[in-house]
Amino acid sequence: MARITASVYTSHVPAIGAAFDLGKDQDAYWQPLFAGYEYSKRWMGENRPDVVFLVYNDHATAFSLDMIPTFAIGTAASYGIADEGWGPRPVPQVEGHPELAAHIAHSVIQEDFDLTIVNRMEVDHGLSVPLSLMCGQPQAWPFKVIPFAVNVVQYPVPSGRRCFELGKAIRRAVESFDGNLKVQIWGTGGMSHQLQGARAGLINREWDNAFLDKLIADPAAAAAIPHIDYVREAGSEGIELVMWLIARGAMADVAGGPAPILQHRFYHVPASNTAVGHLIMENPA
């Protein structure tokens, strides 16, 4: 059967992609951030999956304010890189895994989670920046990717509890797939940041690190954090962290298995006007 081998959590700041693409990763401002992902790239080389189920949020490229699904799964064979106003990022197109994506969609919908099925779309920095951070600049991404977009842009947004439960359903779906696949699930976005208003530029180191502590050791407590706490403590865009709970809910310990192995933890501020968090957790073999 297919199985989830690990979960990865990372911010997807668009300026990180620009720094990559413009060769600024060794500049004094950016070098400390990229240094935090050097271990991650080595780890990826040694723990390469067949498929990455990548949870992210679209930034008005595949979806607009005219139509925003709460949860959308990509079932296409490939995905182009979106032009977000300054040309597409110079990275490889994303190759999908339609068979596993369709199976997950069927399984999760049958468990009463409503998904929007997307057979054609382009993907933006929310998906491509995590790939660059974890894989560098390859000629082709070294695994298939299933994009899973979550609405954390237009209210109402899904609760952390809902996302956590969805992660559990995704794990069950993966494990019921008739195929020997190694799957990683990535939760992206966050951490604390606010892009507008009187609190623009907000970064809350203490709250961010407390969230990381909960996510590692007590994910049910992290899932119980109410929406207002994200807004008050982590800023209006801090709500992106609910996407990390989808990845955490898919880990084995949540279903009574062994505790995950924490392989890497990294936190850095600032990156543009946001905080960057990053974790790698493995399911024991």
Protein backbone atom coordinates (compact mmCIF):
# COMPACT_ATOMS: atom_id res chain seq x y z
CA MET A 1 0.00 0.00 0.00
CA ALA A 2 0.99 3.64 -0.19
CA ARG A 3 2.13 5.26 3.03
CA ILE A 4 2.97 8.68 4.38
CA THR A 5 6.63 8.65 5.32
CA ALA A 6 7.08 12.22 6.53
CA SER A 7 5.57 15.67 6.84
CA VAL A 8 7.27 18.95 6.00
CA TYR A 9 6.20 22.40 7.18
CA THR A 10 7.50 25.64 5.76
CA SER A 11 6.63 29.23 5.03
CA HIS A 12 6.20 30.17 1.38
CA VAL A 13 7.20 33.85 1.34
CA PRO A 14 7.18 35.16 -2.28
CA ALA A 15 10.34 37.22 -1.73
CA ILE A 16 12.21 33.97 -1.03
CA GLY A 17 11.41 32.85 -4.56
CA ALA A 18 12.66 36.18 -5.94
CA ALA A 19 15.90 35.83 -3.95
CA PHE A 20 16.38 32.34 -5.40
CA ASP A 21 15.64 33.42 -8.94
CA LEU A 22 17.87 36.52 -8.83
CA GLY A 23 20.83 34.70 -7.26
CA LYS A 24 20.62 36.62 -3.99
CA ASP A 25 20.58 33.57 -1.70
CA GLN A 26 24.10 34.35 -0.44
CA ASP A 27 23.47 38.05 0.17
CA ALA A 28 23.91 39.09 3.80
CA TYR A 29 20.17 39.54 4.29
CA TRP A 30 19.13 36.18 2.82
CA GLN A 31 22.03 33.86 3.67
CA PRO A 32 20.90 33.09 7.27
CA LEU A 33 17.48 32.04 5.98
CA PHE A 34 18.76 29.79 3.22
CA ALA A 35 21.29 28.26 5.61
CA GLY A 36 18.33 26.94 7.62
CA TYR A 37 17.30 24.82 4.64
CA GLU A 38 20.69 23.29 3.81
CA TYR A 39 19.94 20.29 6.04
CA SER A 40 16.51 20.03 4.45
CA LYS A 41 17.92 19.70 0.94
CA ARG A 42 20.31 16.98 2.09
CA TRP A 43 17.46 15.21 3.86
CA MET A 44 15.34 15.37 0.71
CA GLY A 45 18.14 13.78 -1.27
CA GLU A 46 18.24 10.88 1.18
CA ASN A 47 14.47 10.56 1.69
CA ARG A 48 13.04 11.18 -1.74
CA PRO A 49 9.32 10.41 -1.98
CA ASP A 50 7.38 9.26 -5.00
CA VAL A 51 4.69 11.87 -4.40
CA VAL A 52 4.36 15.05 -2.36
CA PHE A 53 0.85 16.07 -1.31
CA LEU A 54 1.45 19.81 -1.05
CA VAL A 55 -0.99 21.93 0.96
CA TYR A 56 -0.80 25.62 0.09
CA ASN A 57 -2.99 28.63 -0.61
CA ASP A 58 -3.54 30.19 -3.99
CA HIS A 59 -2.88 33.94 -4.26
CA ALA A 60 -5.55 34.95 -6.80
CA THR A 61 -3.93 33.10 -9.70
CA ALA A 62 -5.84 29.83 -10.16
CA PHE A 63 -8.83 31.26 -8.29
CA SER A 64 -10.13 34.81 -7.99
CA LEU A 65 -12.48 36.50 -5.56
CA ASP A 66 -15.25 35.48 -7.96
CA MET A 67 -14.86 31.83 -6.94
CA ILE A 68 -12.80 30.50 -4.04
CA PRO A 69 -13.19 26.86 -2.98
CA THR A 70 -12.50 26.05 0.65
CA PHE A 71 -10.52 22.93 -0.32
CA ALA A 72 -9.39 22.17 -3.89
CA ILE A 73 -7.38 19.15 -5.05
CA GLY A 74 -5.42 19.13 -8.30
CA THR A 75 -5.99 15.98 -10.34
CA ALA A 76 -4.13 17.01 -13.52
CA ALA A 77 -1.09 15.35 -15.07
CA SER A 78 0.89 18.60 -14.93
CA TYR A 79 0.69 22.20 -13.75
CA GLY A 80 2.28 25.27 -15.28
CA ILE A 81 3.93 28.03 -13.25
CA ALA A 82 1.69 31.07 -12.89
CA ASP A 83 2.61 34.59 -13.91
CA GLU A 84 1.93 36.61 -10.76
CA GLY A 85 2.59 39.94 -12.43
CA TRP A 86 6.32 39.80 -13.11
CA GLY A 87 6.51 36.68 -15.26
CA PRO A 88 6.43 33.02 -14.22
CA ARG A 89 9.21 31.88 -11.91
CA PRO A 90 12.00 30.14 -13.89
CA VAL A 91 11.37 26.76 -12.31
CA PRO A 92 10.25 23.42 -13.81
CA GLN A 93 6.59 22.74 -14.39
CA VAL A 94 5.00 20.52 -11.77
CA GLU A 95 4.18 16.93 -12.68
CA GLY A 96 1.07 15.56 -11.00
CA HIS A 97 -0.11 12.09 -9.98
CA PRO A 98 -3.68 11.90 -11.29
CA GLU A 99 -4.32 8.34 -10.08
CA LEU A 100 -3.48 9.01 -6.44
CA ALA A 101 -5.14 12.42 -6.53
CA ALA A 102 -8.39 10.95 -7.87
CA HIS A 103 -8.28 8.20 -5.27
CA ILE A 104 -7.76 10.71 -2.44
CA ALA A 105 -10.58 12.88 -3.76
CA HIS A 106 -12.97 9.94 -3.90
CA SER A 107 -12.00 8.65 -0.46
CA VAL A 108 -12.11 12.02 1.30
CA ILE A 109 -15.40 13.07 -0.30
CA GLN A 110 -16.92 9.77 0.79
CA GLU A 111 -15.87 10.70 4.33
CA ASP A 112 -18.01 13.84 4.00
CA PHE A 113 -15.29 16.40 3.24
CA ASP A 114 -16.33 18.56 0.31
CA LEU A 115 -13.46 19.04 -2.16
CA THR A 116 -13.36 20.95 -5.41
CA ILE A 117 -11.71 18.84 -8.11
CA VAL A 118 -9.43 20.86 -10.38
CA ASN A 119 -8.36 19.28 -13.67
CA ARG A 120 -6.45 22.29 -14.97
CA MET A 121 -4.69 25.14 -13.18
CA GLU A 122 -1.42 26.98 -12.80
CA VAL A 123 0.37 27.10 -9.46
CA ASP A 124 1.92 30.14 -7.83
CA HIS A 125 4.64 30.89 -5.28
CA GLY A 126 2.63 29.23 -2.52
CA LEU A 127 3.58 25.91 -4.10
CA SER A 128 6.79 26.69 -5.98
CA VAL A 129 8.72 28.39 -3.15
CA PRO A 130 8.52 25.34 -0.84
CA LEU A 131 9.72 23.16 -3.72
CA SER A 132 12.70 25.46 -4.26
CA LEU A 133 13.56 25.56 -0.56
CA MET A 134 13.52 21.78 -0.26
CA CYS A 135 14.98 20.83 -3.66
CA GLY A 136 17.10 23.76 -4.81
CA GLN A 137 17.13 24.47 -8.55
CA PRO A 138 16.84 21.13 -10.41
CA GLN A 139 16.08 20.70 -14.10
CA ALA A 140 12.95 18.79 -13.06
CA TRP A 141 11.29 18.30 -9.67
CA PRO A 142 12.38 14.89 -8.34
CA PHE A 143 8.88 13.66 -7.48
CA LYS A 144 5.24 14.00 -8.46
CA VAL A 145 3.15 16.66 -6.71
CA ILE A 146 -0.53 16.77 -5.81
CA PRO A 147 -1.49 20.41 -5.22
CA PHE A 148 -4.08 20.96 -2.49
CA ALA A 149 -5.28 24.55 -2.20
CA VAL A 150 -6.96 25.86 0.95
CA ASN A 151 -8.87 29.12 1.20
CA VAL A 152 -7.18 31.24 3.86
CA VAL A 153 -7.78 34.45 1.89
CA GLN A 154 -11.53 35.13 1.76
CA TYR A 155 -13.58 34.75 4.93
CA PRO A 156 -14.96 32.46 6.21
CA VAL A 157 -11.88 30.23 6.33
CA PRO A 158 -11.72 26.65 7.65
CA SER A 159 -10.94 26.08 11.31
CA GLY A 160 -7.79 24.42 12.55
CA ARG A 161 -9.90 21.55 13.86
CA ARG A 162 -11.46 21.01 10.44
CA CYS A 163 -8.05 21.00 8.80
CA PHE A 164 -6.67 18.56 11.37
CA GLU A 165 -9.56 16.14 10.77
CA LEU A 166 -9.07 16.47 7.04
CA GLY A 167 -5.44 15.44 7.47
CA LYS A 168 -6.60 12.25 9.19
CA ALA A 169 -8.89 11.50 6.25
CA ILE A 170 -6.06 12.10 3.77
CA ARG A 171 -3.86 9.60 5.64
CA ARG A 172 -6.60 6.98 5.45
CA ALA A 173 -7.02 7.69 1.76
CA VAL A 174 -3.31 7.33 1.03
CA GLU A 175 -3.08 4.08 2.96
CA SER A 176 -6.02 2.61 1.02
CA PHE A 177 -4.41 3.29 -2.36
CA ASP A 178 -3.47 0.13 -4.23
CA GLY A 179 0.12 0.97 -5.04
CA ASN A 180 3.50 0.93 -3.36
CA LEU A 181 4.16 4.66 -3.05
CA LYS A 182 6.15 6.73 -0.57
CA VAL A 183 4.19 9.91 0.06
CA GLN A 184 5.17 13.05 1.94
CA ILE A 185 2.62 15.64 3.01
CA TRP A 186 3.68 19.27 3.22
CA GLY A 187 1.89 22.08 5.02
CA THR A 188 2.95 25.54 3.89
CA GLY A 189 2.31 29.21 4.63
CA GLY A 190 2.72 31.34 7.77
CA MET A 191 4.13 32.07 10.23
CA SER A 192 3.09 35.31 11.94
CA HIS A 193 2.63 38.19 9.53
CA GLN A 194 0.22 40.91 8.55
CA LEU A 195 0.39 42.64 5.21
CA GLN A 196 -1.93 45.61 5.71
CA GLY A 197 -3.50 47.97 8.22
CA ALA A 198 -2.19 49.44 11.45
CA ARG A 199 -0.40 46.20 12.39
CA ALA A 200 1.33 45.66 9.04
CA GLY A 201 4.70 44.04 9.66
CA LEU A 202 3.61 42.25 12.86
CA ILE A 203 5.87 39.36 13.88
CA ASN A 204 5.27 37.43 17.11
CA ARG A 205 8.28 35.19 17.82
CA GLU A 206 6.93 33.89 21.12
CA TRP A 207 3.58 32.82 19.67
CA ASP A 208 5.19 31.28 16.59
CA ASN A 209 7.52 29.11 18.64
CA ALA A 210 4.75 28.10 21.02
CA PHE A 211 2.76 26.98 17.97
CA LEU A 212 5.72 24.91 16.76
CA ASP A 213 5.98 23.31 20.22
CA LYS A 214 2.29 22.34 20.13
CA LEU A 215 2.45 21.11 16.57
CA ILE A 216 5.30 18.74 17.48
CA ALA A 217 4.19 17.45 20.87
CA ASP A 218 0.45 18.15 21.19
CA PRO A 219 -1.14 18.57 17.77
CA ALA A 220 -4.66 18.23 19.15
CA ALA A 221 -4.01 21.34 21.25
CA ALA A 222 -2.72 23.16 18.17
CA ALA A 223 -5.87 22.14 16.31
CA ALA A 224 -8.02 23.58 19.09
CA ILE A 225 -6.58 27.09 18.75
CA PRO A 226 -9.55 29.36 17.90
CA HIS A 227 -9.49 31.51 14.81
CA ILE A 228 -9.40 34.75 16.79
CA ASP A 229 -6.10 33.73 18.41
CA TYR A 230 -4.43 33.45 15.01
CA VAL A 231 -5.64 36.93 14.06
CA ARG A 232 -4.79 38.55 17.38
CA GLU A 233 -1.44 36.89 18.00
CA ALA A 234 -0.12 36.05 14.52
CA GLY A 235 -1.70 38.75 12.36
CA SER A 236 -4.32 38.58 9.65
CA GLU A 237 -2.18 36.29 7.48
CA GLY A 238 -1.15 34.08 10.41
CA ILE A 239 -4.29 32.07 9.69
CA GLU A 240 -2.24 30.31 6.98
CA LEU A 241 -0.92 28.09 9.77
CA VAL A 242 -4.14 26.05 9.73
CA MET A 243 -2.72 24.46 6.58
CA TRP A 244 0.10 22.98 8.67
CA LEU A 245 -2.56 21.14 10.66
CA ILE A 246 -3.64 19.19 7.57
CA ALA A 247 -0.11 17.81 7.29
CA ARG A 248 0.12 17.13 11.02
CA GLY A 249 -3.22 15.35 11.08
CA ALA A 250 -1.91 12.90 8.49
CA MET A 251 0.91 11.63 10.70
CA ALA A 252 0.80 8.15 12.22
CA ASP A 253 0.76 9.13 15.90
CA VAL A 254 -2.56 10.91 15.49
CA ALA A 255 -4.06 7.52 14.57
CA GLY A 256 -2.45 5.72 17.51
CA GLY A 257 0.91 5.01 15.90
CA PRO A 258 4.38 5.90 17.19
CA ALA A 259 5.41 9.50 17.75
CA PRO A 260 7.08 11.16 14.78
CA ILE A 261 10.83 11.73 14.70
CA LEU A 262 11.65 15.44 14.59
CA GLN A 263 14.45 15.70 12.04
CA HIS A 264 14.76 19.46 11.75
CA ARG A 265 13.42 22.67 13.28
CA PHE A 266 14.22 26.17 12.07
CA TYR A 267 12.84 29.64 12.74
CA HIS A 268 14.02 32.94 11.29
CA VAL A 269 12.95 36.58 11.16
CA PRO A 270 12.61 38.55 9.11
CA ALA A 271 12.14 37.39 5.56
CA SER A 272 10.64 40.37 3.81
CA ASN A 273 7.98 41.34 6.39
CA THR A 274 7.21 37.89 7.77
CA ALA A 275 8.50 35.19 10.08
CA VAL A 276 9.70 31.91 8.57
CA GLY A 277 9.15 28.57 10.29
CA HIS A 278 10.19 25.12 9.16
CA LEU A 279 9.88 21.56 10.50
CA ILE A 280 10.58 18.08 9.16
CA MET A 281 8.93 15.13 10.90
CA GLU A 282 9.31 11.48 9.90
CA ASN A 283 7.01 8.59 10.62
CA PRO A 284 9.13 5.74 12.08
CA ALA A 285 9.63 3.00 9.49
